[in-house]
Amino acid sequence: MWCKVEQILIEKDISQYELAKRMGVSTGTITELKKGRIKKPSFELIKKIADALEVSMDRFR
């Protein structure tokens, strides 16, 4: 999942810090996702990411 998020971050020139800020979560949450420690992100987390990046949740399938 992180590969897809990272690709969108690069496309939109958004930092991980900015993503966390937009999502209303800590940078630690982003780090956990990046390192694969969140194996199966919840629907709510995926929705927050999609909303923060202004993309459809379909991008993460």
PDB file of N, CA and C in Angstrom:
ATOM      1  N   MET A   1       0.830  -1.193   0.000  1.00  0.00           N
ATOM      2  CA  MET A   1       0.000   0.000   0.000  1.00  0.00           C
ATOM      3  C   MET A   1       0.870   1.251   0.000  1.00  0.00           C
ATOM      4  N   TRP A   2       1.970   1.222   0.774  1.00  0.00           N
ATOM      5  CA  TRP A   2       2.795   2.423   0.876  1.00  0.00           C
ATOM      6  C   TRP A   2       3.334   2.853  -0.481  1.00  0.00           C
ATOM      7  N   CYS A   3       3.667   1.902  -1.339  1.00  0.00           N
ATOM      8  CA  CYS A   3       4.197   2.244  -2.671  1.00  0.00           C
ATOM      9  C   CYS A   3       3.219   3.127  -3.425  1.00  0.00           C
ATOM     10  N   LYS A   4       1.942   2.817  -3.324  1.00  0.00           N
ATOM     11  CA  LYS A   4       0.920   3.612  -4.015  1.00  0.00           C
ATOM     12  C   LYS A   4       0.801   4.996  -3.396  1.00  0.00           C
ATOM     13  N   VAL A   5       0.837   5.064  -2.074  1.00  0.00           N
ATOM     14  CA  VAL A   5       0.775   6.359  -1.388  1.00  0.00           C
ATOM     15  C   VAL A   5       1.984   7.200  -1.772  1.00  0.00           C
ATOM     16  N   GLU A   6       3.153   6.587  -1.730  1.00  0.00           N
ATOM     17  CA  GLU A   6       4.387   7.308  -2.044  1.00  0.00           C
ATOM     18  C   GLU A   6       4.371   7.849  -3.473  1.00  0.00           C
ATOM     19  N   GLN A   7       3.851   7.063  -4.396  1.00  0.00           N
ATOM     20  CA  GLN A   7       3.759   7.503  -5.789  1.00  0.00           C
ATOM     21  C   GLN A   7       2.892   8.761  -5.897  1.00  0.00           C
ATOM     22  N   ILE A   8       1.768   8.780  -5.192  1.00  0.00           N
ATOM     23  CA  ILE A   8       0.877   9.940  -5.225  1.00  0.00           C
ATOM     24  C   ILE A   8       1.534  11.134  -4.543  1.00  0.00           C
ATOM     25  N   LEU A   9       2.246  10.889  -3.441  1.00  0.00           N
ATOM     26  CA  LEU A   9       2.960  11.979  -2.766  1.00  0.00           C
ATOM     27  C   LEU A   9       3.946  12.642  -3.727  1.00  0.00           C
ATOM     28  N   ILE A  10       4.658  11.829  -4.490  1.00  0.00           N
ATOM     29  CA  ILE A  10       5.627  12.358  -5.453  1.00  0.00           C
ATOM     30  C   ILE A  10       4.907  13.126  -6.557  1.00  0.00           C
ATOM     31  N   GLU A  11       3.835  12.530  -7.101  1.00  0.00           N
ATOM     32  CA  GLU A  11       3.065  13.178  -8.167  1.00  0.00           C
ATOM     33  C   GLU A  11       2.561  14.550  -7.739  1.00  0.00           C
ATOM     34  N   LYS A  12       2.108  14.640  -6.496  1.00  0.00           N
ATOM     35  CA  LYS A  12       1.486  15.870  -6.004  1.00  0.00           C
ATOM     36  C   LYS A  12       2.449  16.753  -5.214  1.00  0.00           C
ATOM     37  N   ASP A  13       3.710  16.316  -5.110  1.00  0.00           N
ATOM     38  CA  ASP A  13       4.730  17.064  -4.375  1.00  0.00           C
ATOM     39  C   ASP A  13       4.274  17.386  -2.947  1.00  0.00           C
ATOM     40  N   ILE A  14       3.869  16.327  -2.238  1.00  0.00           N
ATOM     41  CA  ILE A  14       3.401  16.448  -0.856  1.00  0.00           C
ATOM     42  C   ILE A  14       4.351  15.651   0.031  1.00  0.00           C
ATOM     43  N   SER A  15       4.769  16.245   1.124  1.00  0.00           N
ATOM     44  CA  SER A  15       5.668  15.557   2.053  1.00  0.00           C
ATOM     45  C   SER A  15       4.866  14.634   2.977  1.00  0.00           C
ATOM     46  N   GLN A  16       5.571  13.718   3.605  1.00  0.00           N
ATOM     47  CA  GLN A  16       4.931  12.835   4.577  1.00  0.00           C
ATOM     48  C   GLN A  16       4.379  13.650   5.744  1.00  0.00           C
ATOM     49  N   TYR A  17       5.104  14.678   6.140  1.00  0.00           N
ATOM     50  CA  TYR A  17       4.641  15.559   7.217  1.00  0.00           C
ATOM     51  C   TYR A  17       3.323  16.218   6.819  1.00  0.00           C
ATOM     52  N   GLU A  18       3.261  16.724   5.593  1.00  0.00           N
ATOM     53  CA  GLU A  18       2.044  17.385   5.116  1.00  0.00           C
ATOM     54  C   GLU A  18       0.890  16.392   5.048  1.00  0.00           C
ATOM     55  N   LEU A  19       1.170  15.168   4.617  1.00  0.00           N
ATOM     56  CA  LEU A  19       0.128  14.141   4.575  1.00  0.00           C
ATOM     57  C   LEU A  19      -0.427  13.908   5.977  1.00  0.00           C
ATOM     58  N   ALA A  20       0.447  13.740   6.951  1.00  0.00           N
ATOM     59  CA  ALA A  20       0.007  13.518   8.334  1.00  0.00           C
ATOM     60  C   ALA A  20      -0.847  14.682   8.815  1.00  0.00           C
ATOM     61  N   LYS A  21      -0.410  15.882   8.520  1.00  0.00           N
ATOM     62  CA  LYS A  21      -1.139  17.088   8.928  1.00  0.00           C
ATOM     63  C   LYS A  21      -2.533  17.109   8.303  1.00  0.00           C
ATOM     64  N   ARG A  22      -2.605  16.821   7.013  1.00  0.00           N
ATOM     65  CA  ARG A  22      -3.894  16.816   6.310  1.00  0.00           C
ATOM     66  C   ARG A  22      -4.824  15.734   6.850  1.00  0.00           C
ATOM     67  N   MET A  23      -4.248  14.608   7.264  1.00  0.00           N
ATOM     68  CA  MET A  23      -5.043  13.492   7.773  1.00  0.00           C
ATOM     69  C   MET A  23      -5.449  13.682   9.227  1.00  0.00           C
ATOM     70  N   GLY A  24      -4.752  14.552   9.931  1.00  0.00           N
ATOM     71  CA  GLY A  24      -5.020  14.733  11.350  1.00  0.00           C
ATOM     72  C   GLY A  24      -4.455  13.603  12.190  1.00  0.00           C
ATOM     73  N   VAL A  25      -3.329  13.035  11.734  1.00  0.00           N
ATOM     74  CA  VAL A  25      -2.671  11.956  12.477  1.00  0.00           C
ATOM     75  C   VAL A  25      -1.222  12.360  12.749  1.00  0.00           C
ATOM     76  N   SER A  26      -0.561  11.597  13.584  1.00  0.00           N
ATOM     77  CA  SER A  26       0.841  11.884  13.882  1.00  0.00           C
ATOM     78  C   SER A  26       1.734  11.410  12.740  1.00  0.00           C
ATOM     79  N   THR A  27       2.925  11.962  12.682  1.00  0.00           N
ATOM     80  CA  THR A  27       3.890  11.492  11.684  1.00  0.00           C
ATOM     81  C   THR A  27       4.281  10.045  11.994  1.00  0.00           C
ATOM     82  N   GLY A  28       4.142   9.655  13.245  1.00  0.00           N
ATOM     83  CA  GLY A  28       4.413   8.268  13.634  1.00  0.00           C
ATOM     84  C   GLY A  28       3.490   7.290  12.919  1.00  0.00           C
ATOM     85  N   THR A  29       2.246   7.676  12.726  1.00  0.00           N
ATOM     86  CA  THR A  29       1.301   6.829  11.991  1.00  0.00           C
ATOM     87  C   THR A  29       1.770   6.640  10.560  1.00  0.00           C
ATOM     88  N   ILE A  30       2.256   7.703   9.946  1.00  0.00           N
ATOM     89  CA  ILE A  30       2.758   7.629   8.571  1.00  0.00           C
ATOM     90  C   ILE A  30       3.993   6.729   8.526  1.00  0.00           C
ATOM     91  N   THR A  31       4.867   6.868   9.517  1.00  0.00           N
ATOM     92  CA  THR A  31       6.067   6.029   9.589  1.00  0.00           C
ATOM     93  C   THR A  31       5.693   4.559   9.732  1.00  0.00           C
ATOM     94  N   GLU A  32       4.717   4.263  10.581  1.00  0.00           N
ATOM     95  CA  GLU A  32       4.264   2.879  10.770  1.00  0.00           C
ATOM     96  C   GLU A  32       3.737   2.305   9.454  1.00  0.00           C
ATOM     97  N   LEU A  33       2.998   3.102   8.723  1.00  0.00           N
ATOM     98  CA  LEU A  33       2.474   2.665   7.432  1.00  0.00           C
ATOM     99  C   LEU A  33       3.613   2.432   6.444  1.00  0.00           C
ATOM    100  N   LYS A  34       4.551   3.369   6.417  1.00  0.00           N
ATOM    101  CA  LYS A  34       5.688   3.286   5.493  1.00  0.00           C
ATOM    102  C   LYS A  34       6.541   2.046   5.760  1.00  0.00           C
ATOM    103  N   LYS A  35       6.757   1.730   7.022  1.00  0.00           N
ATOM    104  CA  LYS A  35       7.608   0.596   7.387  1.00  0.00           C
ATOM    105  C   LYS A  35       6.879  -0.742   7.331  1.00  0.00           C
ATOM    106  N   GLY A  36       5.598  -0.701   6.959  1.00  0.00           N
ATOM    107  CA  GLY A  36       4.840  -1.938   6.831  1.00  0.00           C
ATOM    108  C   GLY A  36       4.358  -2.515   8.144  1.00  0.00           C
ATOM    109  N   ARG A  37       4.380  -1.722   9.180  1.00  0.00           N
ATOM    110  CA  ARG A  37       3.936  -2.208  10.492  1.00  0.00           C
ATOM    111  C   ARG A  37       2.414  -2.223  10.599  1.00  0.00           C
ATOM    112  N   ILE A  38       1.758  -1.489   9.711  1.00  0.00           N
ATOM    113  CA  ILE A  38       0.300  -1.549   9.632  1.00  0.00           C
ATOM    114  C   ILE A  38       0.004  -2.459   8.446  1.00  0.00           C
ATOM    115  N   LYS A  39      -0.208  -3.730   8.737  1.00  0.00           N
ATOM    116  CA  LYS A  39      -0.347  -4.745   7.684  1.00  0.00           C
ATOM    117  C   LYS A  39      -1.625  -4.570   6.875  1.00  0.00           C
ATOM    118  N   LYS A  40      -2.727  -4.370   7.572  1.00  0.00           N
ATOM    119  CA  LYS A  40      -4.018  -4.211   6.905  1.00  0.00           C
ATOM    120  C   LYS A  40      -4.654  -2.914   7.398  1.00  0.00           C
ATOM    121  N   PRO A  41      -4.382  -1.807   6.695  1.00  0.00           N
ATOM    122  CA  PRO A  41      -4.952  -0.525   7.121  1.00  0.00           C
ATOM    123  C   PRO A  41      -6.480  -0.586   7.140  1.00  0.00           C
ATOM    124  N   SER A  42      -7.062   0.049   8.117  1.00  0.00           N
ATOM    125  CA  SER A  42      -8.521   0.074   8.228  1.00  0.00           C
ATOM    126  C   SER A  42      -9.124   0.896   7.094  1.00  0.00           C
ATOM    127  N   PHE A  43     -10.400   0.668   6.859  1.00  0.00           N
ATOM    128  CA  PHE A  43     -11.134   1.448   5.861  1.00  0.00           C
ATOM    129  C   PHE A  43     -11.005   2.933   6.186  1.00  0.00           C
ATOM    130  N   GLU A  44     -11.147   3.262   7.471  1.00  0.00           N
ATOM    131  CA  GLU A  44     -11.082   4.662   7.912  1.00  0.00           C
ATOM    132  C   GLU A  44      -9.723   5.284   7.577  1.00  0.00           C
ATOM    133  N   LEU A  45      -8.644   4.546   7.807  1.00  0.00           N
ATOM    134  CA  LEU A  45      -7.305   5.066   7.518  1.00  0.00           C
ATOM    135  C   LEU A  45      -7.117   5.273   6.014  1.00  0.00           C
ATOM    136  N   ILE A  46      -7.565   4.307   5.219  1.00  0.00           N
ATOM    137  CA  ILE A  46      -7.446   4.443   3.766  1.00  0.00           C
ATOM    138  C   ILE A  46      -8.262   5.638   3.283  1.00  0.00           C
ATOM    139  N   LYS A  47      -9.452   5.827   3.850  1.00  0.00           N
ATOM    140  CA  LYS A  47     -10.296   6.972   3.472  1.00  0.00           C
ATOM    141  C   LYS A  47      -9.612   8.278   3.831  1.00  0.00           C
ATOM    142  N   LYS A  48      -9.001   8.349   5.008  1.00  0.00           N
ATOM    143  CA  LYS A  48      -8.286   9.569   5.411  1.00  0.00           C
ATOM    144  C   LYS A  48      -7.144   9.877   4.443  1.00  0.00           C
ATOM    145  N   ILE A  49      -6.424   8.844   4.035  1.00  0.00           N
ATOM    146  CA  ILE A  49      -5.319   9.032   3.094  1.00  0.00           C
ATOM    147  C   ILE A  49      -5.856   9.535   1.763  1.00  0.00           C
ATOM    148  N   ALA A  50      -6.891   8.876   1.250  1.00  0.00           N
ATOM    149  CA  ALA A  50      -7.476   9.269  -0.037  1.00  0.00           C
ATOM    150  C   ALA A  50      -7.986  10.706   0.014  1.00  0.00           C
ATOM    151  N   ASP A  51      -8.686  11.054   1.082  1.00  0.00           N
ATOM    152  CA  ASP A  51      -9.205  12.415   1.217  1.00  0.00           C
ATOM    153  C   ASP A  51      -8.073  13.431   1.297  1.00  0.00           C
ATOM    154  N   ALA A  52      -7.046  13.113   2.066  1.00  0.00           N
ATOM    155  CA  ALA A  52      -5.914  14.031   2.230  1.00  0.00           C
ATOM    156  C   ALA A  52      -5.171  14.249   0.917  1.00  0.00           C
ATOM    157  N   LEU A  53      -5.120  13.209   0.092  1.00  0.00           N
ATOM    158  CA  LEU A  53      -4.411  13.295  -1.188  1.00  0.00           C
ATOM    159  C   LEU A  53      -5.335  13.695  -2.339  1.00  0.00           C
ATOM    160  N   GLU A  54      -6.620  13.838  -2.017  1.00  0.00           N
ATOM    161  CA  GLU A  54      -7.633  14.215  -3.013  1.00  0.00           C
ATOM    162  C   GLU A  54      -7.653  13.245  -4.192  1.00  0.00           C
ATOM    163  N   VAL A  55      -7.699  11.949  -3.851  1.00  0.00           N
ATOM    164  CA  VAL A  55      -7.789  10.893  -4.859  1.00  0.00           C
ATOM    165  C   VAL A  55      -8.898   9.923  -4.454  1.00  0.00           C
ATOM    166  N   SER A  56      -9.315   9.116  -5.405  1.00  0.00           N
ATOM    167  CA  SER A  56     -10.310   8.084  -5.144  1.00  0.00           C
ATOM    168  C   SER A  56      -9.666   6.944  -4.352  1.00  0.00           C
ATOM    169  N   MET A  57     -10.458   6.316  -3.511  1.00  0.00           N
ATOM    170  CA  MET A  57      -9.959   5.156  -2.771  1.00  0.00           C
ATOM    171  C   MET A  57      -9.580   4.027  -3.724  1.00  0.00           C
ATOM    172  N   ASP A  58     -10.113   4.042  -4.928  1.00  0.00           N
ATOM    173  CA  ASP A  58      -9.781   3.020  -5.930  1.00  0.00           C
ATOM    174  C   ASP A  58      -8.290   2.991  -6.252  1.00  0.00           C
ATOM    175  N   ARG A  59      -7.598   4.094  -6.058  1.00  0.00           N
ATOM    176  CA  ARG A  59      -6.152   4.142  -6.330  1.00  0.00           C
ATOM    177  C   ARG A  59      -5.370   3.180  -5.440  1.00  0.00           C
ATOM    178  N   PHE A  60      -5.970   2.732  -4.349  1.00  0.00           N
ATOM    179  CA  PHE A  60      -5.271   1.880  -3.389  1.00  0.00           C
ATOM    180  C   PHE A  60      -5.656   0.410  -3.496  1.00  0.00           C
ATOM    181  N   ARG A  61      -6.339   0.036  -4.548  1.00  0.00           N
ATOM    182  CA  ARG A  61      -6.722  -1.375  -4.740  1.00  0.00           C
ATOM    183  C   ARG A  61      -5.573  -2.155  -5.285  1.00  0.00           C
TER     184      ARG A  61
END
